Structure formats: C-alpha cells, structure tokens
Amino acid sequence: MNDSVNQHRTFEILTAEPVRSRGKPRHWSEEEKARLVAEALSRGANVSAIARSQGLDPSQLYAWRRKALSSGMVAPLTEEPSAPVKFTRFEAVGSSMVEIVVGDVVVRAGADVDPDHLAQILRVVRKA
C-alpha cells in the first residue's frame, strides 16, 4: 500500500462572488453631450462632479470637452479678469523690518509696531 494515501492532505476552497454584468452602454445624444460640455466649460465648473451627477465617468466628459475644443465647435472662455492681476516677488531676509505692498503703496513696519496700529494703517491705505 502506498504511504501517500494515508497522509493528511490540506485543501483550500476558494469562494468568489459573481461579477456583476455591466449594463448596456448608454447612448448619449449630441444635444446631451453639448449640454454637458457647455456646463463643464462654464467658469468655476467642477467637471468630475458634473459627470458623476449624470452617472458618467469623468474621463469621458473630459474627452468630450477636449474633442469639442480641438474641433473648434466651442471656444474656451477668454473673458479678462475684472482687475489686473499683479504678482510681487519677495525674498525672505533675517530682518526685523516687514514690507507690505498694497497696490502701488509700500508699507514698512518694524517688529516693535503695535499690530492694531498696523491694521489701522493698512485699512487707510486700502481705502486710498
């Protein structure tokens, strides 16, 4: 008799949940696509939130938007900001002096200035 027949054997049983079948792909009409793309191109729009609210994968809406822009069917917003945007370059230095730029005005304050007094000065400068 073979010794391997009487030996202890271990078996592993695998269980699995059936994979849900994917539904039939939804057909989006050109009007629906155009409406969603227009909504996605509006100022401050959250493309992912718009797509998810419609049961659409965000990458699909991004693709439709990209296609519409490249085809020339729609144009990106070209509206200029209401006020010109200015950027200031600054360098950190080990000094007790602080420079605050408000528009064309530079306010220099030392470390010993009272914060309430500085806030009052800045309010006056902003009004001017």
N, C-alpha and C. Protein backbone atom coordinates (compact mmCIF):
# COMPACT_ATOMS: atom_id res chain seq x y z
N MET A 1 0.83 -1.16 0.00
CA MET A 1 0.00 0.00 0.00
C MET A 1 0.89 1.24 0.00
N ASN A 2 0.46 2.23 -0.65
CA ASN A 2 1.22 3.46 -0.78
C ASN A 2 1.02 4.33 0.45
N ASP A 3 2.13 4.87 1.03
CA ASP A 3 2.05 5.71 2.23
C ASP A 3 1.37 7.05 1.96
N SER A 4 1.41 7.54 0.76
CA SER A 4 0.83 8.85 0.47
C SER A 4 -0.69 8.85 0.56
N VAL A 5 -1.32 7.70 0.49
CA VAL A 5 -2.77 7.62 0.57
C VAL A 5 -3.25 7.91 1.99
N ASN A 6 -2.50 7.49 2.98
CA ASN A 6 -2.92 7.65 4.37
C ASN A 6 -2.43 8.95 5.02
N GLN A 7 -1.73 9.79 4.27
CA GLN A 7 -1.22 11.04 4.85
C GLN A 7 -2.29 12.12 4.86
N HIS A 8 -2.10 13.04 5.80
CA HIS A 8 -3.02 14.17 5.93
C HIS A 8 -2.86 15.10 4.72
N ARG A 9 -3.97 15.50 4.14
CA ARG A 9 -3.92 16.41 3.00
C ARG A 9 -4.72 17.67 3.33
N THR A 10 -4.25 18.78 2.83
CA THR A 10 -4.93 20.05 3.04
C THR A 10 -5.45 20.55 1.70
N PHE A 11 -6.68 20.95 1.71
CA PHE A 11 -7.29 21.51 0.51
C PHE A 11 -7.76 22.93 0.82
N GLU A 12 -7.63 23.78 -0.14
CA GLU A 12 -8.12 25.15 0.02
C GLU A 12 -9.31 25.32 -0.90
N ILE A 13 -10.39 25.81 -0.33
CA ILE A 13 -11.59 26.02 -1.13
C ILE A 13 -11.72 27.51 -1.37
N LEU A 14 -11.79 27.89 -2.60
CA LEU A 14 -11.91 29.29 -2.98
C LEU A 14 -13.37 29.62 -3.24
N THR A 15 -13.79 30.72 -2.71
CA THR A 15 -15.15 31.17 -2.99
C THR A 15 -15.04 32.54 -3.64
N ALA A 16 -15.96 32.85 -4.47
CA ALA A 16 -15.94 34.14 -5.15
C ALA A 16 -17.37 34.60 -5.40
N GLU A 17 -17.51 35.90 -5.40
CA GLU A 17 -18.79 36.49 -5.75
C GLU A 17 -18.84 36.62 -7.26
N PRO A 18 -20.00 36.38 -7.84
CA PRO A 18 -20.09 36.54 -9.28
C PRO A 18 -19.90 38.01 -9.67
N VAL A 19 -19.26 38.23 -10.76
CA VAL A 19 -19.04 39.58 -11.26
C VAL A 19 -20.35 40.09 -11.84
N ARG A 20 -20.73 41.29 -11.37
CA ARG A 20 -21.95 41.87 -11.92
C ARG A 20 -21.73 42.22 -13.38
N SER A 21 -22.67 41.87 -14.17
CA SER A 21 -22.51 42.20 -15.58
C SER A 21 -22.73 43.70 -15.75
N ARG A 22 -21.94 44.28 -16.58
CA ARG A 22 -22.07 45.70 -16.83
C ARG A 22 -23.30 45.93 -17.67
N GLY A 23 -23.97 46.98 -17.37
CA GLY A 23 -25.16 47.33 -18.14
C GLY A 23 -24.79 47.71 -19.56
N LYS A 24 -25.77 47.79 -20.34
CA LYS A 24 -25.57 48.19 -21.73
C LYS A 24 -25.05 49.62 -21.75
N PRO A 25 -24.05 49.92 -22.55
CA PRO A 25 -23.53 51.29 -22.58
C PRO A 25 -24.62 52.28 -22.96
N ARG A 26 -24.65 53.38 -22.25
CA ARG A 26 -25.67 54.40 -22.52
C ARG A 26 -25.29 55.17 -23.76
N HIS A 27 -26.27 55.43 -24.57
CA HIS A 27 -26.03 56.24 -25.77
C HIS A 27 -26.36 57.69 -25.43
N TRP A 28 -25.42 58.55 -25.61
CA TRP A 28 -25.61 59.97 -25.33
C TRP A 28 -25.87 60.69 -26.64
N SER A 29 -26.96 61.41 -26.71
CA SER A 29 -27.26 62.17 -27.93
C SER A 29 -26.30 63.35 -28.03
N GLU A 30 -26.19 63.89 -29.22
CA GLU A 30 -25.30 65.04 -29.43
C GLU A 30 -25.75 66.24 -28.59
N GLU A 31 -27.07 66.39 -28.41
CA GLU A 31 -27.59 67.50 -27.60
C GLU A 31 -27.18 67.34 -26.13
N GLU A 32 -27.27 66.10 -25.62
CA GLU A 32 -26.87 65.85 -24.24
C GLU A 32 -25.38 66.10 -24.05
N LYS A 33 -24.59 65.64 -25.01
CA LYS A 33 -23.14 65.86 -24.94
C LYS A 33 -22.84 67.36 -24.95
N ALA A 34 -23.50 68.09 -25.87
CA ALA A 34 -23.26 69.53 -25.99
C ALA A 34 -23.64 70.25 -24.70
N ARG A 35 -24.75 69.85 -24.08
CA ARG A 35 -25.19 70.48 -22.84
C ARG A 35 -24.17 70.23 -21.72
N LEU A 36 -23.70 68.98 -21.61
CA LEU A 36 -22.73 68.65 -20.56
C LEU A 36 -21.39 69.34 -20.80
N VAL A 37 -20.95 69.41 -22.05
CA VAL A 37 -19.68 70.08 -22.37
C VAL A 37 -19.79 71.56 -22.06
N ALA A 38 -20.93 72.18 -22.41
CA ALA A 38 -21.12 73.60 -22.12
C ALA A 38 -21.11 73.84 -20.62
N GLU A 39 -21.74 72.96 -19.87
CA GLU A 39 -21.74 73.09 -18.41
C GLU A 39 -20.33 72.92 -17.86
N ALA A 40 -19.57 71.99 -18.44
CA ALA A 40 -18.20 71.73 -17.98
C ALA A 40 -17.26 72.88 -18.32
N LEU A 41 -17.59 73.64 -19.35
CA LEU A 41 -16.73 74.76 -19.74
C LEU A 41 -17.09 76.06 -19.04
N SER A 42 -18.15 76.08 -18.27
CA SER A 42 -18.53 77.31 -17.58
C SER A 42 -17.52 77.62 -16.49
N ARG A 43 -17.40 78.91 -16.17
CA ARG A 43 -16.40 79.35 -15.20
C ARG A 43 -16.67 78.73 -13.83
N GLY A 44 -15.64 78.14 -13.25
CA GLY A 44 -15.73 77.55 -11.92
C GLY A 44 -16.38 76.18 -11.88
N ALA A 45 -16.60 75.58 -13.05
CA ALA A 45 -17.28 74.28 -13.10
C ALA A 45 -16.37 73.17 -12.59
N ASN A 46 -16.96 72.21 -11.89
CA ASN A 46 -16.24 71.03 -11.43
C ASN A 46 -16.63 69.89 -12.36
N VAL A 47 -15.76 69.58 -13.31
CA VAL A 47 -16.07 68.62 -14.36
C VAL A 47 -16.39 67.24 -13.78
N SER A 48 -15.63 66.81 -12.80
CA SER A 48 -15.86 65.50 -12.20
C SER A 48 -17.22 65.43 -11.53
N ALA A 49 -17.60 66.48 -10.83
CA ALA A 49 -18.90 66.49 -10.15
C ALA A 49 -20.04 66.49 -11.17
N ILE A 50 -19.89 67.22 -12.24
CA ILE A 50 -20.92 67.25 -13.28
C ILE A 50 -21.08 65.87 -13.88
N ALA A 51 -19.95 65.22 -14.20
CA ALA A 51 -20.00 63.89 -14.81
C ALA A 51 -20.66 62.89 -13.87
N ARG A 52 -20.24 62.88 -12.62
CA ARG A 52 -20.78 61.90 -11.67
C ARG A 52 -22.26 62.12 -11.42
N SER A 53 -22.70 63.38 -11.45
CA SER A 53 -24.13 63.64 -11.24
C SER A 53 -24.98 63.07 -12.36
N GLN A 54 -24.38 62.84 -13.51
CA GLN A 54 -25.10 62.29 -14.65
C GLN A 54 -24.85 60.79 -14.83
N GLY A 55 -24.08 60.19 -13.89
CA GLY A 55 -23.76 58.77 -13.99
C GLY A 55 -22.74 58.49 -15.08
N LEU A 56 -21.90 59.46 -15.32
CA LEU A 56 -20.90 59.38 -16.39
C LEU A 56 -19.52 59.36 -15.77
N ASP A 57 -18.59 58.62 -16.35
CA ASP A 57 -17.22 58.62 -15.86
C ASP A 57 -16.59 59.97 -16.20
N PRO A 58 -15.91 60.61 -15.25
CA PRO A 58 -15.32 61.93 -15.51
C PRO A 58 -14.38 61.95 -16.71
N SER A 59 -13.65 60.86 -16.92
CA SER A 59 -12.72 60.85 -18.06
C SER A 59 -13.46 60.98 -19.39
N GLN A 60 -14.69 60.47 -19.44
CA GLN A 60 -15.47 60.57 -20.68
C GLN A 60 -15.85 62.03 -20.94
N LEU A 61 -16.27 62.74 -19.89
CA LEU A 61 -16.64 64.15 -20.07
C LEU A 61 -15.41 64.98 -20.43
N TYR A 62 -14.27 64.68 -19.81
CA TYR A 62 -13.03 65.37 -20.19
C TYR A 62 -12.71 65.12 -21.66
N ALA A 63 -12.92 63.90 -22.13
CA ALA A 63 -12.65 63.57 -23.54
C ALA A 63 -13.59 64.34 -24.46
N TRP A 64 -14.87 64.39 -24.12
CA TRP A 64 -15.82 65.15 -24.94
C TRP A 64 -15.45 66.62 -24.98
N ARG A 65 -15.04 67.14 -23.83
CA ARG A 65 -14.65 68.55 -23.76
C ARG A 65 -13.42 68.82 -24.61
N ARG A 66 -12.42 67.94 -24.50
CA ARG A 66 -11.19 68.08 -25.29
C ARG A 66 -11.49 68.02 -26.78
N LYS A 67 -12.37 67.08 -27.17
CA LYS A 67 -12.74 66.93 -28.58
C LYS A 67 -13.47 68.18 -29.09
N ALA A 68 -14.36 68.72 -28.27
CA ALA A 68 -15.11 69.91 -28.69
C ALA A 68 -14.17 71.11 -28.84
N LEU A 69 -13.21 71.25 -27.95
CA LEU A 69 -12.26 72.36 -28.05
C LEU A 69 -11.35 72.22 -29.26
N SER A 70 -10.87 70.99 -29.51
CA SER A 70 -9.94 70.80 -30.64
C SER A 70 -10.65 70.90 -31.99
N SER A 71 -11.94 70.59 -32.03
CA SER A 71 -12.67 70.66 -33.30
C SER A 71 -13.09 72.09 -33.63
N GLY A 72 -13.04 72.98 -32.66
CA GLY A 72 -13.45 74.35 -32.88
C GLY A 72 -14.94 74.56 -32.70
N MET A 73 -15.65 73.53 -32.26
CA MET A 73 -17.09 73.66 -32.04
C MET A 73 -17.39 74.64 -30.92
N VAL A 74 -16.52 74.69 -29.93
CA VAL A 74 -16.65 75.63 -28.82
C VAL A 74 -15.30 76.29 -28.60
N ALA A 75 -15.32 77.41 -27.95
CA ALA A 75 -14.08 78.12 -27.65
C ALA A 75 -13.96 78.28 -26.15
N PRO A 76 -12.76 78.22 -25.62
CA PRO A 76 -12.60 78.43 -24.18
C PRO A 76 -12.94 79.86 -23.81
N LEU A 77 -13.24 80.09 -22.55
CA LEU A 77 -13.56 81.43 -22.10
C LEU A 77 -12.34 82.33 -22.26
N THR A 78 -12.58 83.51 -22.81
CA THR A 78 -11.48 84.46 -22.99
C THR A 78 -11.72 85.72 -22.19
N GLU A 79 -12.68 85.68 -21.31
CA GLU A 79 -13.01 86.84 -20.50
C GLU A 79 -11.83 87.22 -19.63
N GLU A 80 -11.48 88.50 -19.69
CA GLU A 80 -10.37 89.01 -18.90
C GLU A 80 -10.82 89.21 -17.46
N PRO A 81 -9.93 89.06 -16.51
CA PRO A 81 -10.31 89.35 -15.12
C PRO A 81 -10.68 90.82 -14.97
N SER A 82 -11.58 91.12 -14.05
CA SER A 82 -12.06 92.49 -13.89
C SER A 82 -10.96 93.44 -13.42
N ALA A 83 -10.06 92.98 -12.61
CA ALA A 83 -8.94 93.80 -12.14
C ALA A 83 -7.64 93.15 -12.58
N PRO A 84 -6.67 93.96 -12.98
CA PRO A 84 -5.40 93.37 -13.39
C PRO A 84 -4.75 92.63 -12.23
N VAL A 85 -4.16 91.51 -12.55
CA VAL A 85 -3.51 90.70 -11.53
C VAL A 85 -2.03 91.08 -11.49
N LYS A 86 -1.55 91.39 -10.30
CA LYS A 86 -0.14 91.75 -10.15
C LYS A 86 0.52 90.75 -9.23
N PHE A 87 1.70 90.36 -9.58
CA PHE A 87 2.47 89.45 -8.75
C PHE A 87 3.65 90.21 -8.18
N THR A 88 3.97 89.90 -6.96
CA THR A 88 5.08 90.56 -6.29
C THR A 88 6.14 89.54 -5.97
N ARG A 89 7.36 89.88 -6.25
CA ARG A 89 8.47 89.00 -5.90
C ARG A 89 9.01 89.46 -4.56
N PHE A 90 9.25 88.51 -3.70
CA PHE A 90 9.81 88.88 -2.41
C PHE A 90 10.86 87.86 -2.03
N GLU A 91 11.78 88.30 -1.19
CA GLU A 91 12.83 87.44 -0.69
C GLU A 91 12.83 87.51 0.82
N ALA A 92 12.91 86.37 1.44
CA ALA A 92 12.93 86.33 2.91
C ALA A 92 14.32 86.73 3.38
N VAL A 93 14.33 87.64 4.32
CA VAL A 93 15.60 88.09 4.90
C VAL A 93 15.47 88.07 6.42
N GLY A 94 16.57 87.95 7.07
CA GLY A 94 16.57 87.93 8.54
C GLY A 94 16.58 89.34 9.09
N SER A 95 15.47 90.05 8.97
CA SER A 95 15.40 91.43 9.42
C SER A 95 14.16 91.61 10.28
N SER A 96 14.19 92.64 11.10
CA SER A 96 13.02 92.93 11.92
C SER A 96 12.06 93.86 11.18
N MET A 97 12.37 94.21 9.95
CA MET A 97 11.55 95.10 9.14
C MET A 97 10.69 94.26 8.19
N VAL A 98 9.41 94.64 8.07
CA VAL A 98 8.49 93.96 7.17
C VAL A 98 7.99 94.96 6.15
N GLU A 99 7.93 94.55 4.88
CA GLU A 99 7.37 95.40 3.83
C GLU A 99 6.07 94.78 3.37
N ILE A 100 5.02 95.59 3.35
CA ILE A 100 3.71 95.13 2.89
C ILE A 100 3.35 95.99 1.69
N VAL A 101 3.07 95.34 0.54
CA VAL A 101 2.74 96.05 -0.68
C VAL A 101 1.24 95.97 -0.90
N VAL A 102 0.59 97.13 -0.97
CA VAL A 102 -0.83 97.22 -1.25
C VAL A 102 -0.97 98.12 -2.46
N GLY A 103 -1.22 97.50 -3.63
CA GLY A 103 -1.29 98.28 -4.86
C GLY A 103 0.06 98.90 -5.16
N ASP A 104 0.08 100.25 -5.24
CA ASP A 104 1.33 100.96 -5.51
C ASP A 104 2.00 101.47 -4.24
N VAL A 105 1.45 101.14 -3.09
CA VAL A 105 1.96 101.65 -1.82
C VAL A 105 2.75 100.56 -1.11
N VAL A 106 3.89 100.93 -0.57
CA VAL A 106 4.71 100.02 0.22
C VAL A 106 4.70 100.51 1.66
N VAL A 107 4.26 99.64 2.56
CA VAL A 107 4.24 99.98 3.98
C VAL A 107 5.37 99.20 4.65
N ARG A 108 6.28 99.92 5.29
CA ARG A 108 7.38 99.27 6.01
C ARG A 108 7.11 99.40 7.50
N ALA A 109 7.17 98.28 8.19
CA ALA A 109 6.89 98.29 9.63
C ALA A 109 7.97 97.50 10.35
N GLY A 110 8.38 98.02 11.47
CA GLY A 110 9.36 97.33 12.30
C GLY A 110 8.69 96.31 13.19
N ALA A 111 9.49 95.48 13.83
CA ALA A 111 8.97 94.42 14.68
C ALA A 111 8.29 94.97 15.93
N ASP A 112 8.63 96.22 16.31
CA ASP A 112 8.07 96.79 17.53
C ASP A 112 6.75 97.53 17.32
N VAL A 113 6.21 97.53 16.08
CA VAL A 113 4.96 98.25 15.82
C VAL A 113 3.78 97.48 16.42
N ASP A 114 2.81 98.24 16.95
CA ASP A 114 1.62 97.65 17.54
C ASP A 114 0.75 97.05 16.43
N PRO A 115 0.34 95.78 16.53
CA PRO A 115 -0.45 95.13 15.47
C PRO A 115 -1.76 95.86 15.18
N ASP A 116 -2.42 96.39 16.19
CA ASP A 116 -3.67 97.12 15.96
C ASP A 116 -3.42 98.41 15.18
N HIS A 117 -2.32 99.08 15.51
CA HIS A 117 -1.96 100.31 14.78
C HIS A 117 -1.62 99.99 13.32
N LEU A 118 -0.90 98.89 13.08
CA LEU A 118 -0.56 98.48 11.71
C LEU A 118 -1.83 98.13 10.93
N ALA A 119 -2.77 97.43 11.55
CA ALA A 119 -4.03 97.09 10.89
C ALA A 119 -4.79 98.34 10.51
N GLN A 120 -4.79 99.35 11.37
CA GLN A 120 -5.46 100.62 11.09
C GLN A 120 -4.80 101.32 9.90
N ILE A 121 -3.49 101.31 9.86
CA ILE A 121 -2.76 101.92 8.74
C ILE A 121 -3.10 101.21 7.43
N LEU A 122 -3.13 99.88 7.46
CA LEU A 122 -3.44 99.13 6.24
C LEU A 122 -4.86 99.38 5.76
N ARG A 123 -5.82 99.55 6.69
CA ARG A 123 -7.20 99.88 6.29
C ARG A 123 -7.24 101.22 5.58
N VAL A 124 -6.50 102.20 6.08
CA VAL A 124 -6.46 103.52 5.46
C VAL A 124 -5.84 103.45 4.08
N VAL A 125 -4.75 102.66 3.95
CA VAL A 125 -4.08 102.53 2.65
C VAL A 125 -5.00 101.87 1.64
N ARG A 126 -5.76 100.86 2.04
CA ARG A 126 -6.67 100.19 1.12
C ARG A 126 -7.76 101.11 0.63
N LYS A 127 -8.25 102.01 1.49
CA LYS A 127 -9.31 102.94 1.11
C LYS A 127 -8.82 103.99 0.14
N ALA A 128 -7.54 104.33 0.21
CA ALA A 128 -6.98 105.38 -0.62
C ALA A 128 -6.85 104.99 -2.07
